[in-house]
Protein backbone atom coordinates (compact mmCIF):
# COMPACT_ATOMS: atom_id res chain seq x y z
CA UNK A 1 -37.47 16.50 8.20
CA UNK A 2 -34.05 14.73 7.48
CA UNK A 3 -31.44 16.43 5.37
CA UNK A 4 -30.38 14.55 2.18
CA UNK A 5 -26.73 13.39 2.30
CA UNK A 6 -24.84 14.90 -0.67
CA UNK A 7 -24.16 12.64 -3.61
CA UNK A 8 -20.97 10.55 -3.37
CA UNK A 9 -18.62 11.31 -6.29
CA UNK A 10 -16.80 8.13 -7.09
CA UNK A 11 -13.77 9.93 -8.65
CA UNK A 12 -13.32 12.77 -6.03
CA UNK A 13 -10.03 12.97 -4.16
CA UNK A 14 -11.47 11.35 -1.07
CA UNK A 15 -12.84 8.43 -3.08
CA UNK A 16 -9.41 7.92 -4.67
CA UNK A 17 -7.76 7.89 -1.26
CA UNK A 18 -10.34 5.34 -0.07
CA UNK A 19 -9.61 3.13 -3.03
CA UNK A 20 -5.85 3.03 -2.10
CA UNK A 21 -6.42 2.69 1.53
CA UNK A 22 -8.98 -0.01 1.03
CA UNK A 23 -6.81 -2.09 -1.19
CA UNK A 24 -5.50 -4.92 1.09
CA UNK A 25 -2.25 -5.52 -0.77
CA UNK A 26 -1.57 -2.00 -1.94
CA UNK A 27 -1.66 -0.60 1.66
CA UNK A 28 0.52 -3.41 2.95
CA UNK A 29 3.01 -2.68 0.11
CA UNK A 30 3.16 0.93 1.10
CA UNK A 31 3.59 0.04 4.78
CA UNK A 32 6.61 -2.19 3.78
CA UNK A 33 8.18 0.61 1.63
CA UNK A 34 7.77 3.09 4.43
CA UNK A 35 10.75 1.57 6.07
CA UNK A 36 13.06 1.75 2.99
CA UNK A 37 13.61 1.14 -0.57
CA UNK A 38 13.19 -2.56 -1.45
CA UNK A 39 13.58 -4.98 -4.41
CA UNK A 40 10.73 -7.00 -5.71
CA UNK A 41 12.11 -10.19 -4.11
CA UNK A 42 12.20 -8.47 -0.67
CA UNK A 43 8.63 -7.28 -0.99
CA UNK A 44 7.55 -10.66 -2.04
CA UNK A 45 9.21 -12.33 0.78
CA UNK A 46 7.93 -9.80 3.25
CA UNK A 47 4.30 -9.92 2.11
CA UNK A 48 3.63 -13.57 2.80
CA UNK A 49 0.81 -15.07 0.69
CA UNK A 50 0.97 -12.51 -2.21
CA UNK A 51 1.56 -14.09 -5.53
CA UNK A 52 4.33 -12.57 -7.94
CA UNK A 53 1.58 -11.80 -10.32
CA UNK A 54 -0.48 -9.80 -7.80
CA UNK A 55 2.67 -8.05 -6.39
CA UNK A 56 3.55 -7.01 -10.00
CA UNK A 57 0.02 -5.73 -10.82
CA UNK A 58 -0.08 -3.74 -7.36
CA UNK A 59 3.34 -2.23 -7.96
CA UNK A 60 2.15 -1.19 -11.45
CA UNK A 61 -1.01 0.38 -10.04
CA UNK A 62 0.88 2.13 -7.34
CA UNK A 63 3.34 3.66 -9.86
CA UNK A 64 0.39 4.72 -12.06
CA UNK A 65 -1.15 6.42 -8.92
CA UNK A 66 2.15 8.26 -8.24
CA UNK A 67 2.64 6.46 -5.07
CA UNK A 68 5.82 4.59 -5.70
CA UNK A 69 8.98 5.09 -8.02
CA UNK A 70 10.33 2.14 -9.90
CA UNK A 71 13.98 2.50 -10.60
CA UNK A 72 15.64 0.04 -13.11
CA UNK A 73 19.42 -0.48 -13.08
CA UNK A 74 21.22 -1.49 -16.19
CA UNK A 75 22.82 -4.36 -14.74
CA UNK A 76 23.09 -8.14 -15.30
CA UNK A 77 21.04 -9.64 -13.75
CA UNK A 78 18.53 -6.84 -13.93
CA UNK A 79 17.84 -4.97 -10.75
CA UNK A 80 14.73 -2.94 -9.92
CA UNK A 81 14.06 -0.96 -6.77
CA UNK A 82 10.86 0.45 -5.41
CA UNK A 83 10.52 3.32 -3.15
CA UNK A 84 7.68 5.71 -2.04
CA UNK A 85 7.20 9.07 -3.65
CA UNK A 86 6.21 12.14 -1.53
CA UNK A 87 2.61 11.30 -2.19
CA UNK A 88 3.07 7.65 -1.16
CA UNK A 89 4.82 8.79 1.94
CA UNK A 90 1.69 10.74 2.91
CA UNK A 91 -0.03 7.39 3.38
CA UNK A 92 2.03 6.82 6.53
CA UNK A 93 -0.73 8.73 8.31
CA UNK A 94 -3.26 6.07 6.99
CA UNK A 95 -1.00 3.18 7.99
CA UNK A 96 -0.56 4.60 11.54
CA UNK A 97 -4.34 5.07 12.00
CA UNK A 98 -4.90 1.52 10.82
CA UNK A 99 -2.10 0.33 13.21
CA UNK A 100 -3.74 2.17 16.05
CA UNK A 101 -7.02 0.35 15.51
CA UNK A 102 -5.22 -3.02 15.27
CA UNK A 103 -5.63 -3.85 19.05
CA UNK A 104 -9.34 -3.94 18.57
CA UNK A 105 -8.91 -7.12 16.47
CA UNK A 106 -6.14 -8.80 18.39
CA UNK A 107 -8.52 -11.31 20.05
CA UNK A 108 -9.87 -12.30 16.65
CA UNK A 109 -6.63 -12.81 14.89
CA UNK A 110 -4.79 -16.00 14.96
CA UNK A 111 -1.48 -14.50 13.81
CA UNK A 112 -0.56 -11.09 15.13
CA UNK A 113 1.82 -9.07 12.97
CA UNK A 114 4.76 -7.43 14.68
CA UNK A 115 6.09 -4.50 12.83
């Protein structure tokens, strides 16, 4: 007789990690911020194809999740910088695991990202 799999909790810690790791733009934003603190315009330029609206929404979500810190400077023109929190830096493990699997898809990809 087969054992029943336990019910999957949609709001357990593992599910929450999966929601972050499975969010295409969010994980790429985390990857970009692993290098260093960046401004909105730098992230927008680095993440080719993301709209400013989507980038703004994903940065807001990451801040709510406690993954990034948003620092506003009282300057003209206004300056805002984004950096990873300690929690956000822990996703380096996820990014590295994904990068280690990337060679499995090289033949299928038209454009290979070079980090």
